[in-house]
Amino acid sequence: MSANASAKQMKARGMVPPKHEVHHTIPLNGKSRTAQDPRNHYALLKVMPQAQHRRLTGSWQGKPRYDPVRRVWYGTTDWQKAVPTGIAARAADTWENLSQPFQPPRKPRSGR
């Protein structure tokens, strides 16, 4: 599906409120908006306010372009933030479990 077709379908289904735009979380890098591309999949599109969308790529209405941290934060979908965080947490937990020596469970003390 093309970028224009994806945006039009999202607008037709009421997913894009007034003064909001559809953002590609993976840049098209100069590709035509009428060309079909996997980057136009709905999972890689994010609806955001127009001012926020415009500031991802440059200054807008006298406000400067977002810094790199804000561009990543505002320019990615929630799942794109959650998946790497979950993988990192799992890796840290695995590392902790593997680096700790195995200790058998303690036996409960018998009564007095």
PDB file of N, CA and C in Angstrom:
ATOM      1  N   MET A   1       0.848  -1.170   0.000  1.00  0.00           N
ATOM      2  CA  MET A   1       0.000   0.000   0.000  1.00  0.00           C
ATOM      3  C   MET A   1       0.896   1.237   0.000  1.00  0.00           C
ATOM      4  N   SER A   2       0.448   2.285  -0.628  1.00  0.00           N
ATOM      5  CA  SER A   2       1.234   3.519  -0.674  1.00  0.00           C
ATOM      6  C   SER A   2       0.989   4.358   0.582  1.00  0.00           C
ATOM      7  N   ALA A   3       1.877   5.305   0.819  1.00  0.00           N
ATOM      8  CA  ALA A   3       1.757   6.181   1.993  1.00  0.00           C
ATOM      9  C   ALA A   3       0.478   7.009   1.918  1.00  0.00           C
ATOM     10  N   ASN A   4       0.185   7.537   0.735  1.00  0.00           N
ATOM     11  CA  ASN A   4      -1.028   8.340   0.584  1.00  0.00           C
ATOM     12  C   ASN A   4      -2.282   7.498   0.827  1.00  0.00           C
ATOM     13  N   ALA A   5      -2.295   6.273   0.309  1.00  0.00           N
ATOM     14  CA  ALA A   5      -3.460   5.401   0.488  1.00  0.00           C
ATOM     15  C   ALA A   5      -3.639   5.024   1.958  1.00  0.00           C
ATOM     16  N   SER A   6      -2.545   4.748   2.645  1.00  0.00           N
ATOM     17  CA  SER A   6      -2.624   4.408   4.077  1.00  0.00           C
ATOM     18  C   SER A   6      -3.203   5.571   4.872  1.00  0.00           C
ATOM     19  N   ALA A   7      -2.692   6.774   4.623  1.00  0.00           N
ATOM     20  CA  ALA A   7      -3.171   7.955   5.352  1.00  0.00           C
ATOM     21  C   ALA A   7      -4.648   8.213   5.052  1.00  0.00           C
ATOM     22  N   LYS A   8      -5.045   8.071   3.792  1.00  0.00           N
ATOM     23  CA  LYS A   8      -6.441   8.301   3.423  1.00  0.00           C
ATOM     24  C   LYS A   8      -7.361   7.292   4.104  1.00  0.00           C
ATOM     25  N   GLN A   9      -6.945   6.021   4.167  1.00  0.00           N
ATOM     26  CA  GLN A   9      -7.769   5.014   4.829  1.00  0.00           C
ATOM     27  C   GLN A   9      -7.891   5.293   6.321  1.00  0.00           C
ATOM     28  N   MET A  10      -6.794   5.710   6.937  1.00  0.00           N
ATOM     29  CA  MET A  10      -6.839   6.024   8.366  1.00  0.00           C
ATOM     30  C   MET A  10      -7.771   7.201   8.627  1.00  0.00           C
ATOM     31  N   LYS A  11      -7.726   8.213   7.764  1.00  0.00           N
ATOM     32  CA  LYS A  11      -8.610   9.373   7.916  1.00  0.00           C
ATOM     33  C   LYS A  11     -10.067   8.976   7.691  1.00  0.00           C
ATOM     34  N   ALA A  12     -10.313   8.131   6.688  1.00  0.00           N
ATOM     35  CA  ALA A  12     -11.684   7.699   6.393  1.00  0.00           C
ATOM     36  C   ALA A  12     -12.286   6.900   7.542  1.00  0.00           C
ATOM     37  N   ARG A  13     -11.455   6.183   8.289  1.00  0.00           N
ATOM     38  CA  ARG A  13     -11.939   5.377   9.423  1.00  0.00           C
ATOM     39  C   ARG A  13     -11.995   6.160  10.725  1.00  0.00           C
ATOM     40  N   GLY A  14     -11.693   7.454  10.657  1.00  0.00           N
ATOM     41  CA  GLY A  14     -11.788   8.305  11.843  1.00  0.00           C
ATOM     42  C   GLY A  14     -10.620   8.166  12.804  1.00  0.00           C
ATOM     43  N   MET A  15      -9.502   7.633  12.342  1.00  0.00           N
ATOM     44  CA  MET A  15      -8.336   7.443  13.210  1.00  0.00           C
ATOM     45  C   MET A  15      -7.457   8.693  13.292  1.00  0.00           C
ATOM     46  N   VAL A  16      -7.711   9.661  12.408  1.00  0.00           N
ATOM     47  CA  VAL A  16      -6.898  10.874  12.361  1.00  0.00           C
ATOM     48  C   VAL A  16      -7.806  12.063  12.660  1.00  0.00           C
ATOM     49  N   PRO A  17      -7.743  12.604  13.890  1.00  0.00           N
ATOM     50  CA  PRO A  17      -8.585  13.755  14.232  1.00  0.00           C
ATOM     51  C   PRO A  17      -8.134  15.013  13.479  1.00  0.00           C
ATOM     52  N   PRO A  18      -8.945  16.066  13.503  1.00  0.00           N
ATOM     53  CA  PRO A  18      -8.538  17.316  12.870  1.00  0.00           C
ATOM     54  C   PRO A  18      -7.227  17.836  13.466  1.00  0.00           C
ATOM     55  N   LYS A  19      -6.438  18.491  12.649  1.00  0.00           N
ATOM     56  CA  LYS A  19      -5.142  19.080  13.022  1.00  0.00           C
ATOM     57  C   LYS A  19      -4.137  18.021  13.492  1.00  0.00           C
ATOM     58  N   HIS A  20      -4.294  16.795  13.017  1.00  0.00           N
ATOM     59  CA  HIS A  20      -3.353  15.712  13.279  1.00  0.00           C
ATOM     60  C   HIS A  20      -2.845  15.192  11.935  1.00  0.00           C
ATOM     61  N   GLU A  21      -1.672  14.603  11.956  1.00  0.00           N
ATOM     62  CA  GLU A  21      -1.076  14.050  10.739  1.00  0.00           C
ATOM     63  C   GLU A  21      -0.587  12.634  10.994  1.00  0.00           C
ATOM     64  N   VAL A  22      -0.337  11.908   9.905  1.00  0.00           N
ATOM     65  CA  VAL A  22       0.156  10.532   9.987  1.00  0.00           C
ATOM     66  C   VAL A  22       1.663  10.567   9.774  1.00  0.00           C
ATOM     67  N   HIS A  23       2.404  10.009  10.728  1.00  0.00           N
ATOM     68  CA  HIS A  23       3.870  10.004  10.699  1.00  0.00           C
ATOM     69  C   HIS A  23       4.389   8.601  10.422  1.00  0.00           C
ATOM     70  N   HIS A  24       5.388   8.509   9.549  1.00  0.00           N
ATOM     71  CA  HIS A  24       6.079   7.232   9.299  1.00  0.00           C
ATOM     72  C   HIS A  24       7.174   7.080  10.344  1.00  0.00           C
ATOM     73  N   THR A  25       7.102   6.037  11.138  1.00  0.00           N
ATOM     74  CA  THR A  25       8.127   5.858  12.170  1.00  0.00           C
ATOM     75  C   THR A  25       9.441   5.381  11.577  1.00  0.00           C
ATOM     76  N   ILE A  26       9.402   4.820  10.374  1.00  0.00           N
ATOM     77  CA  ILE A  26      10.621   4.483   9.633  1.00  0.00           C
ATOM     78  C   ILE A  26      10.641   5.411   8.423  1.00  0.00           C
ATOM     79  N   PRO A  27      11.618   6.305   8.335  1.00  0.00           N
ATOM     80  CA  PRO A  27      11.624   7.317   7.267  1.00  0.00           C
ATOM     81  C   PRO A  27      11.569   6.709   5.864  1.00  0.00           C
ATOM     82  N   LEU A  28      10.906   7.429   4.966  1.00  0.00           N
ATOM     83  CA  LEU A  28      10.809   6.989   3.577  1.00  0.00           C
ATOM     84  C   LEU A  28      12.083   7.314   2.796  1.00  0.00           C
ATOM     85  N   ASN A  29      12.915   8.189   3.324  1.00  0.00           N
ATOM     86  CA  ASN A  29      14.197   8.548   2.699  1.00  0.00           C
ATOM     87  C   ASN A  29      14.057   8.916   1.225  1.00  0.00           C
ATOM     88  N   GLY A  30      13.135   9.816   0.945  1.00  0.00           N
ATOM     89  CA  GLY A  30      12.977  10.318  -0.414  1.00  0.00           C
ATOM     90  C   GLY A  30      12.134   9.455  -1.327  1.00  0.00           C
ATOM     91  N   LYS A  31      11.655   8.315  -0.858  1.00  0.00           N
ATOM     92  CA  LYS A  31      10.796   7.470  -1.700  1.00  0.00           C
ATOM     93  C   LYS A  31       9.478   8.177  -1.961  1.00  0.00           C
ATOM     94  N   SER A  32       8.901   7.893  -3.081  1.00  0.00           N
ATOM     95  CA  SER A  32       7.628   8.492  -3.457  1.00  0.00           C
ATOM     96  C   SER A  32       6.529   8.048  -2.497  1.00  0.00           C
ATOM     97  N   ARG A  33       5.635   8.957  -2.191  1.00  0.00           N
ATOM     98  CA  ARG A  33       4.517   8.622  -1.308  1.00  0.00           C
ATOM     99  C   ARG A  33       3.463   7.802  -2.036  1.00  0.00           C
ATOM    100  N   THR A  34       3.599   7.680  -3.356  1.00  0.00           N
ATOM    101  CA  THR A  34       2.646   6.874  -4.114  1.00  0.00           C
ATOM    102  C   THR A  34       3.189   5.470  -4.384  1.00  0.00           C
ATOM    103  N   ALA A  35       4.441   5.205  -3.991  1.00  0.00           N
ATOM    104  CA  ALA A  35       5.038   3.875  -4.182  1.00  0.00           C
ATOM    105  C   ALA A  35       4.612   2.945  -3.046  1.00  0.00           C
ATOM    106  N   GLN A  36       4.448   1.676  -3.378  1.00  0.00           N
ATOM    107  CA  GLN A  36       4.118   0.708  -2.337  1.00  0.00           C
ATOM    108  C   GLN A  36       5.395   0.341  -1.588  1.00  0.00           C
ATOM    109  N   ASP A  37       5.277   0.267  -0.265  1.00  0.00           N
ATOM    110  CA  ASP A  37       6.449   0.005   0.560  1.00  0.00           C
ATOM    111  C   ASP A  37       5.993  -0.585   1.888  1.00  0.00           C
ATOM    112  N   PRO A  38       6.747  -1.537   2.459  1.00  0.00           N
ATOM    113  CA  PRO A  38       6.373  -2.112   3.763  1.00  0.00           C
ATOM    114  C   PRO A  38       6.358  -1.079   4.884  1.00  0.00           C
ATOM    115  N   ARG A  39       7.067   0.027   4.706  1.00  0.00           N
ATOM    116  CA  ARG A  39       7.084   1.066   5.749  1.00  0.00           C
ATOM    117  C   ARG A  39       5.746   1.772   5.896  1.00  0.00           C
ATOM    118  N   ASN A  40       4.816   1.512   4.979  1.00  0.00           N
ATOM    119  CA  ASN A  40       3.489   2.115   5.045  1.00  0.00           C
ATOM    120  C   ASN A  40       2.493   1.255   5.813  1.00  0.00           C
ATOM    121  N   HIS A  41       2.966   0.171   6.425  1.00  0.00           N
ATOM    122  CA  HIS A  41       2.075  -0.695   7.214  1.00  0.00           C
ATOM    123  C   HIS A  41       1.561   0.082   8.414  1.00  0.00           C
ATOM    124  N   TYR A  42       0.326  -0.187   8.788  1.00  0.00           N
ATOM    125  CA  TYR A  42      -0.302   0.548   9.894  1.00  0.00           C
ATOM    126  C   TYR A  42       0.466   0.440  11.206  1.00  0.00           C
ATOM    127  N   ALA A  43       1.154  -0.670  11.423  1.00  0.00           N
ATOM    128  CA  ALA A  43       1.929  -0.833  12.656  1.00  0.00           C
ATOM    129  C   ALA A  43       3.114   0.116  12.702  1.00  0.00           C
ATOM    130  N   LEU A  44       3.492   0.683  11.568  1.00  0.00           N
ATOM    131  CA  LEU A  44       4.643   1.593  11.508  1.00  0.00           C
ATOM    132  C   LEU A  44       4.220   3.044  11.284  1.00  0.00           C
ATOM    133  N   LEU A  45       2.922   3.314  11.414  1.00  0.00           N
ATOM    134  CA  LEU A  45       2.406   4.674  11.265  1.00  0.00           C
ATOM    135  C   LEU A  45       1.907   5.166  12.619  1.00  0.00           C
ATOM    136  N   LYS A  46       2.087   6.452  12.854  1.00  0.00           N
ATOM    137  CA  LYS A  46       1.660   7.035  14.128  1.00  0.00           C
ATOM    138  C   LYS A  46       0.910   8.333  13.849  1.00  0.00           C
ATOM    139  N   VAL A  47      -0.250   8.469  14.461  1.00  0.00           N
ATOM    140  CA  VAL A  47      -1.037   9.695  14.347  1.00  0.00           C
ATOM    141  C   VAL A  47      -0.578  10.639  15.447  1.00  0.00           C
ATOM    142  N   MET A  48      -0.281  11.882  15.068  1.00  0.00           N
ATOM    143  CA  MET A  48       0.191  12.866  16.050  1.00  0.00           C
ATOM    144  C   MET A  48      -0.258  14.262  15.657  1.00  0.00           C
ATOM    145  N   PRO A  49      -0.271  15.190  16.633  1.00  0.00           N
ATOM    146  CA  PRO A  49      -0.643  16.564  16.316  1.00  0.00           C
ATOM    147  C   PRO A  49       0.292  17.145  15.249  1.00  0.00           C
ATOM    148  N   GLN A  50      -0.276  18.015  14.409  1.00  0.00           N
ATOM    149  CA  GLN A  50       0.479  18.594  13.305  1.00  0.00           C
ATOM    150  C   GLN A  50       1.755  19.288  13.774  1.00  0.00           C
ATOM    151  N   ALA A  51       1.670  20.087  14.833  1.00  0.00           N
ATOM    152  CA  ALA A  51       2.850  20.818  15.322  1.00  0.00           C
ATOM    153  C   ALA A  51       3.952  19.850  15.750  1.00  0.00           C
ATOM    154  N   GLN A  52       3.572  18.791  16.424  1.00  0.00           N
ATOM    155  CA  GLN A  52       4.554  17.802  16.879  1.00  0.00           C
ATOM    156  C   GLN A  52       5.193  17.101  15.679  1.00  0.00           C
ATOM    157  N   HIS A  53       4.387  16.763  14.691  1.00  0.00           N
ATOM    158  CA  HIS A  53       4.894  16.085  13.500  1.00  0.00           C
ATOM    159  C   HIS A  53       5.872  16.979  12.738  1.00  0.00           C
ATOM    160  N   ARG A  54       5.543  18.231  12.573  1.00  0.00           N
ATOM    161  CA  ARG A  54       6.401  19.143  11.818  1.00  0.00           C
ATOM    162  C   ARG A  54       7.730  19.382  12.523  1.00  0.00           C
ATOM    163  N   ARG A  55       7.722  19.384  13.853  1.00  0.00           N
ATOM    164  CA  ARG A  55       8.968  19.635  14.607  1.00  0.00           C
ATOM    165  C   ARG A  55       9.891  18.417  14.638  1.00  0.00           C
ATOM    166  N   LEU A  56       9.432  17.270  14.168  1.00  0.00           N
ATOM    167  CA  LEU A  56      10.315  16.113  14.086  1.00  0.00           C
ATOM    168  C   LEU A  56      11.377  16.301  13.002  1.00  0.00           C
ATOM    169  N   THR A  57      11.030  17.041  11.959  1.00  0.00           N
ATOM    170  CA  THR A  57      11.955  17.196  10.830  1.00  0.00           C
ATOM    171  C   THR A  57      12.514  18.603  10.674  1.00  0.00           C
ATOM    172  N   GLY A  58      11.997  19.576  11.386  1.00  0.00           N
ATOM    173  CA  GLY A  58      12.513  20.942  11.274  1.00  0.00           C
ATOM    174  C   GLY A  58      11.781  21.876  12.217  1.00  0.00           C
ATOM    175  N   SER A  59      12.157  23.132  12.183  1.00  0.00           N
ATOM    176  CA  SER A  59      11.478  24.115  13.028  1.00  0.00           C
ATOM    177  C   SER A  59      10.103  24.401  12.417  1.00  0.00           C
ATOM    178  N   TRP A  60       9.176  24.812  13.276  1.00  0.00           N
ATOM    179  CA  TRP A  60       7.816  25.084  12.811  1.00  0.00           C
ATOM    180  C   TRP A  60       7.196  26.149  13.691  1.00  0.00           C
ATOM    181  N   GLN A  61       6.650  27.173  13.059  1.00  0.00           N
ATOM    182  CA  GLN A  61       6.008  28.306  13.733  1.00  0.00           C
ATOM    183  C   GLN A  61       6.893  28.891  14.824  1.00  0.00           C
ATOM    184  N   GLY A  62       8.159  29.084  14.511  1.00  0.00           N
ATOM    185  CA  GLY A  62       9.098  29.706  15.434  1.00  0.00           C
ATOM    186  C   GLY A  62       9.654  28.784  16.512  1.00  0.00           C
ATOM    187  N   LYS A  63       9.204  27.563  16.552  1.00  0.00           N
ATOM    188  CA  LYS A  63       9.714  26.607  17.550  1.00  0.00           C
ATOM    189  C   LYS A  63      10.791  25.743  16.893  1.00  0.00           C
ATOM    190  N   PRO A  64      11.856  25.426  17.627  1.00  0.00           N
ATOM    191  CA  PRO A  64      12.958  24.667  17.027  1.00  0.00           C
ATOM    192  C   PRO A  64      12.619  23.193  16.807  1.00  0.00           C
ATOM    193  N   ARG A  65      13.447  22.577  15.986  1.00  0.00           N
ATOM    194  CA  ARG A  65      13.337  21.132  15.755  1.00  0.00           C
ATOM    195  C   ARG A  65      13.613  20.417  17.069  1.00  0.00           C
ATOM    196  N   TYR A  66      12.931  19.281  17.271  1.00  0.00           N
ATOM    197  CA  TYR A  66      13.162  18.501  18.484  1.00  0.00           C
ATOM    198  C   TYR A  66      14.595  17.979  18.525  1.00  0.00           C
ATOM    199  N   ASP A  67      15.114  17.817  19.735  1.00  0.00           N
ATOM    200  CA  ASP A  67      16.436  17.214  19.906  1.00  0.00           C
ATOM    201  C   ASP A  67      16.318  15.709  19.614  1.00  0.00           C
ATOM    202  N   PRO A  68      17.452  15.007  19.446  1.00  0.00           N
ATOM    203  CA  PRO A  68      17.393  13.585  19.069  1.00  0.00           C
ATOM    204  C   PRO A  68      16.576  12.704  20.012  1.00  0.00           C
ATOM    205  N   VAL A  69      16.633  12.966  21.309  1.00  0.00           N
ATOM    206  CA  VAL A  69      15.875  12.142  22.260  1.00  0.00           C
ATOM    207  C   VAL A  69      14.381  12.321  22.042  1.00  0.00           C
ATOM    208  N   ARG A  70      13.931  13.561  21.890  1.00  0.00           N
ATOM    209  CA  ARG A  70      12.500  13.809  21.659  1.00  0.00           C
ATOM    210  C   ARG A  70      12.055  13.298  20.291  1.00  0.00           C
ATOM    211  N   ARG A  71      12.924  13.354  19.289  1.00  0.00           N
ATOM    212  CA  ARG A  71      12.562  12.826  17.969  1.00  0.00           C
ATOM    213  C   ARG A  71      12.305  11.326  18.057  1.00  0.00           C
ATOM    214  N   VAL A  72      13.122  10.623  18.824  1.00  0.00           N
ATOM    215  CA  VAL A  72      12.889   9.179  18.985  1.00  0.00           C
ATOM    216  C   VAL A  72      11.626   8.952  19.802  1.00  0.00           C
ATOM    217  N   TRP A  73      11.458   9.705  20.894  1.00  0.00           N
ATOM    218  CA  TRP A  73      10.310   9.497  21.775  1.00  0.00           C
ATOM    219  C   TRP A  73       8.993   9.805  21.071  1.00  0.00           C
ATOM    220  N   TYR A  74       8.897  10.975  20.431  1.00  0.00           N
ATOM    221  CA  TYR A  74       7.650  11.354  19.773  1.00  0.00           C
ATOM    222  C   TYR A  74       7.469  10.661  18.429  1.00  0.00           C
ATOM    223  N   GLY A  75       8.553  10.272  17.786  1.00  0.00           N
ATOM    224  CA  GLY A  75       8.480   9.734  16.436  1.00  0.00           C
ATOM    225  C   GLY A  75       8.292   8.240  16.331  1.00  0.00           C
ATOM    226  N   THR A  76       8.209   7.528  17.454  1.00  0.00           N
ATOM    227  CA  THR A  76       8.016   6.080  17.400  1.00  0.00           C
ATOM    228  C   THR A  76       6.706   5.696  18.084  1.00  0.00           C
ATOM    229  N   THR A  77       6.190   4.548  17.685  1.00  0.00           N
ATOM    230  CA  THR A  77       4.955   4.056  18.290  1.00  0.00           C
ATOM    231  C   THR A  77       5.258   3.463  19.666  1.00  0.00           C
ATOM    232  N   ASP A  78       4.220   3.217  20.429  1.00  0.00           N
ATOM    233  CA  ASP A  78       4.406   2.662  21.775  1.00  0.00           C
ATOM    234  C   ASP A  78       5.067   1.293  21.731  1.00  0.00           C
ATOM    235  N   TRP A  79       4.678   0.455  20.777  1.00  0.00           N
ATOM    236  CA  TRP A  79       5.262  -0.886  20.728  1.00  0.00           C
ATOM    237  C   TRP A  79       6.736  -0.815  20.343  1.00  0.00           C
ATOM    238  N   GLN A  80       7.130   0.189  19.567  1.00  0.00           N
ATOM    239  CA  GLN A  80       8.540   0.320  19.197  1.00  0.00           C
ATOM    240  C   GLN A  80       9.388   0.740  20.390  1.00  0.00           C
ATOM    241  N   LYS A  81       8.774   1.318  21.388  1.00  0.00           N
ATOM    242  CA  LYS A  81       9.485   1.660  22.620  1.00  0.00           C
ATOM    243  C   LYS A  81       9.480   0.482  23.595  1.00  0.00           C
ATOM    244  N   ALA A  82       8.375  -0.242  23.631  1.00  0.00           N
ATOM    245  CA  ALA A  82       8.217  -1.318  24.613  1.00  0.00           C
ATOM    246  C   ALA A  82       9.020  -2.569  24.273  1.00  0.00           C
ATOM    247  N   VAL A  83       9.100  -2.920  23.012  1.00  0.00           N
ATOM    248  CA  VAL A  83       9.788  -4.159  22.627  1.00  0.00           C
ATOM    249  C   VAL A  83      11.271  -4.132  23.008  1.00  0.00           C
ATOM    250  N   PRO A  84      12.039  -3.099  22.629  1.00  0.00           N
ATOM    251  CA  PRO A  84      13.452  -3.090  23.043  1.00  0.00           C
ATOM    252  C   PRO A  84      13.630  -3.050  24.562  1.00  0.00           C
ATOM    253  N   THR A  85      12.739  -2.351  25.249  1.00  0.00           N
ATOM    254  CA  THR A  85      12.817  -2.291  26.708  1.00  0.00           C
ATOM    255  C   THR A  85      12.577  -3.673  27.306  1.00  0.00           C
ATOM    256  N   GLY A  86      11.591  -4.388  26.796  1.00  0.00           N
ATOM    257  CA  GLY A  86      11.308  -5.738  27.273  1.00  0.00           C
ATOM    258  C   GLY A  86      12.456  -6.697  27.000  1.00  0.00           C
ATOM    259  N   ILE A  87      13.064  -6.575  25.822  1.00  0.00           N
ATOM    260  CA  ILE A  87      14.205  -7.430  25.483  1.00  0.00           C
ATOM    261  C   ILE A  87      15.383  -7.134  26.410  1.00  0.00           C
ATOM    262  N   ALA A  88      15.636  -5.856  26.671  1.00  0.00           N
ATOM    263  CA  ALA A  88      16.736  -5.484  27.572  1.00  0.00           C
ATOM    264  C   ALA A  88      16.491  -6.001  28.984  1.00  0.00           C
ATOM    265  N   ALA A  89      15.249  -5.894  29.453  1.00  0.00           N
ATOM    266  CA  ALA A  89      14.922  -6.396  30.794  1.00  0.00           C
ATOM    267  C   ALA A  89      15.108  -7.908  30.865  1.00  0.00           C
ATOM    268  N   ARG A  90      14.691  -8.593  29.831  1.00  0.00           N
ATOM    269  CA  ARG A  90      14.836 -10.056  29.804  1.00  0.00           C
ATOM    270  C   ARG A  90      16.316 -10.444  29.790  1.00  0.00           C
ATOM    271  N   ALA A  91      17.114  -9.717  28.997  1.00  0.00           N
ATOM    272  CA  ALA A  91      18.554  -9.999  28.926  1.00  0.00           C
ATOM    273  C   ALA A  91      19.226  -9.747  30.277  1.00  0.00           C
ATOM    274  N   ALA A  92      18.863  -8.648  30.945  1.00  0.00           N
ATOM    275  CA  ALA A  92      19.437  -8.346  32.259  1.00  0.00           C
ATOM    276  C   ALA A  92      19.056  -9.409  33.280  1.00  0.00           C
ATOM    277  N   ASP A  93      17.809  -9.861  33.244  1.00  0.00           N
ATOM    278  CA  ASP A  93      17.355 -10.898  34.165  1.00  0.00           C
ATOM    279  C   ASP A  93      18.084 -12.216  33.907  1.00  0.00           C
ATOM    280  N   THR A  94      18.250 -12.549  32.633  1.00  0.00           N
ATOM    281  CA  THR A  94      18.968 -13.781  32.275  1.00  0.00           C
ATOM    282  C   THR A  94      20.416 -13.703  32.744  1.00  0.00           C
ATOM    283  N   TRP A  95      21.064 -12.554  32.515  1.00  0.00           N
ATOM    284  CA  TRP A  95      22.450 -12.382  32.941  1.00  0.00           C
ATOM    285  C   TRP A  95      22.577 -12.533  34.458  1.00  0.00           C
ATOM    286  N   GLU A  96      21.655 -11.935  35.187  1.00  0.00           N
ATOM    287  CA  GLU A  96      21.686 -12.033  36.645  1.00  0.00           C
ATOM    288  C   GLU A  96      21.525 -13.488  37.086  1.00  0.00           C
ATOM    289  N   ASN A  97      20.597 -14.205  36.466  1.00  0.00           N
ATOM    290  CA  ASN A  97      20.375 -15.602  36.832  1.00  0.00           C
ATOM    291  C   ASN A  97      21.573 -16.481  36.506  1.00  0.00           C
ATOM    292  N   LEU A  98      22.238 -16.223  35.396  1.00  0.00           N
ATOM    293  CA  LEU A  98      23.382 -17.036  35.003  1.00  0.00           C
ATOM    294  C   LEU A  98      24.648 -16.699  35.787  1.00  0.00           C
ATOM    295  N   SER A  99      24.757 -15.462  36.242  1.00  0.00           N
ATOM    296  CA  SER A  99      25.975 -15.057  36.950  1.00  0.00           C
ATOM    297  C   SER A  99      25.940 -15.381  38.444  1.00  0.00           C
ATOM    298  N   GLN A 100      24.799 -15.737  38.973  1.00  0.00           N
ATOM    299  CA  GLN A 100      24.665 -16.097  40.387  1.00  0.00           C
ATOM    300  C   GLN A 100      24.943 -17.595  40.542  1.00  0.00           C
ATOM    301  N   PRO A 101      25.738 -17.990  41.503  1.00  0.00           N
ATOM    302  CA  PRO A 101      25.949 -19.426  41.699  1.00  0.00           C
ATOM    303  C   PRO A 101      24.651 -20.080  42.178  1.00  0.00           C
ATOM    304  N   PHE A 102      24.478 -21.317  41.772  1.00  0.00           N
ATOM    305  CA  PHE A 102      23.277 -22.048  42.162  1.00  0.00           C
ATOM    306  C   PHE A 102      23.335 -22.371  43.649  1.00  0.00           C
ATOM    307  N   GLN A 103      22.271 -22.078  44.341  1.00  0.00           N
ATOM    308  CA  GLN A 103      22.172 -22.399  45.757  1.00  0.00           C
ATOM    309  C   GLN A 103      20.904 -23.214  45.963  1.00  0.00           C
ATOM    310  N   PRO A 104      21.056 -24.417  46.488  1.00  0.00           N
ATOM    311  CA  PRO A 104      19.854 -25.232  46.710  1.00  0.00           C
ATOM    312  C   PRO A 104      18.971 -24.582  47.779  1.00  0.00           C
ATOM    313  N   PRO A 105      17.689 -24.841  47.727  1.00  0.00           N
ATOM    314  CA  PRO A 105      16.792 -24.260  48.731  1.00  0.00           C
ATOM    315  C   PRO A 105      17.142 -24.787  50.130  1.00  0.00           C
ATOM    316  N   ARG A 106      16.946 -23.949  51.110  1.00  0.00           N
ATOM    317  CA  ARG A 106      17.234 -24.350  52.497  1.00  0.00           C
ATOM    318  C   ARG A 106      16.130 -25.253  53.025  1.00  0.00           C
ATOM    319  N   LYS A 107      16.550 -26.194  53.833  1.00  0.00           N
ATOM    320  CA  LYS A 107      15.555 -27.063  54.459  1.00  0.00           C
ATOM    321  C   LYS A 107      15.001 -26.341  55.687  1.00  0.00           C
ATOM    322  N   PRO A 108      13.707 -26.474  55.901  1.00  0.00           N
ATOM    323  CA  PRO A 108      13.140 -25.825  57.092  1.00  0.00           C
ATOM    324  C   PRO A 108      13.667 -26.500  58.370  1.00  0.00           C
ATOM    325  N   ARG A 109      13.825 -25.689  59.400  1.00  0.00           N
ATOM    326  CA  ARG A 109      14.270 -26.248  60.681  1.00  0.00           C
ATOM    327  C   ARG A 109      13.181 -27.087  61.310  1.00  0.00           C
ATOM    328  N   SER A 110      13.585 -28.151  61.971  1.00  0.00           N
ATOM    329  CA  SER A 110      12.592 -28.972  62.646  1.00  0.00           C
ATOM    330  C   SER A 110      12.183 -28.276  63.951  1.00  0.00           C
ATOM    331  N   GLY A 111      11.068 -28.682  64.501  1.00  0.00           N
ATOM    332  CA  GLY A 111      10.526 -28.054  65.727  1.00  0.00           C
ATOM    333  C   GLY A 111      11.494 -28.155  66.902  1.00  0.00           C
ATOM    334  N   ARG A 112      11.255 -27.371  67.911  1.00  0.00           N
ATOM    335  CA  ARG A 112      12.149 -27.301  69.086  1.00  0.00           C
ATOM    336  C   ARG A 112      11.901 -28.395  70.017  1.00  0.00           C
TER     337      ARG A 112
END
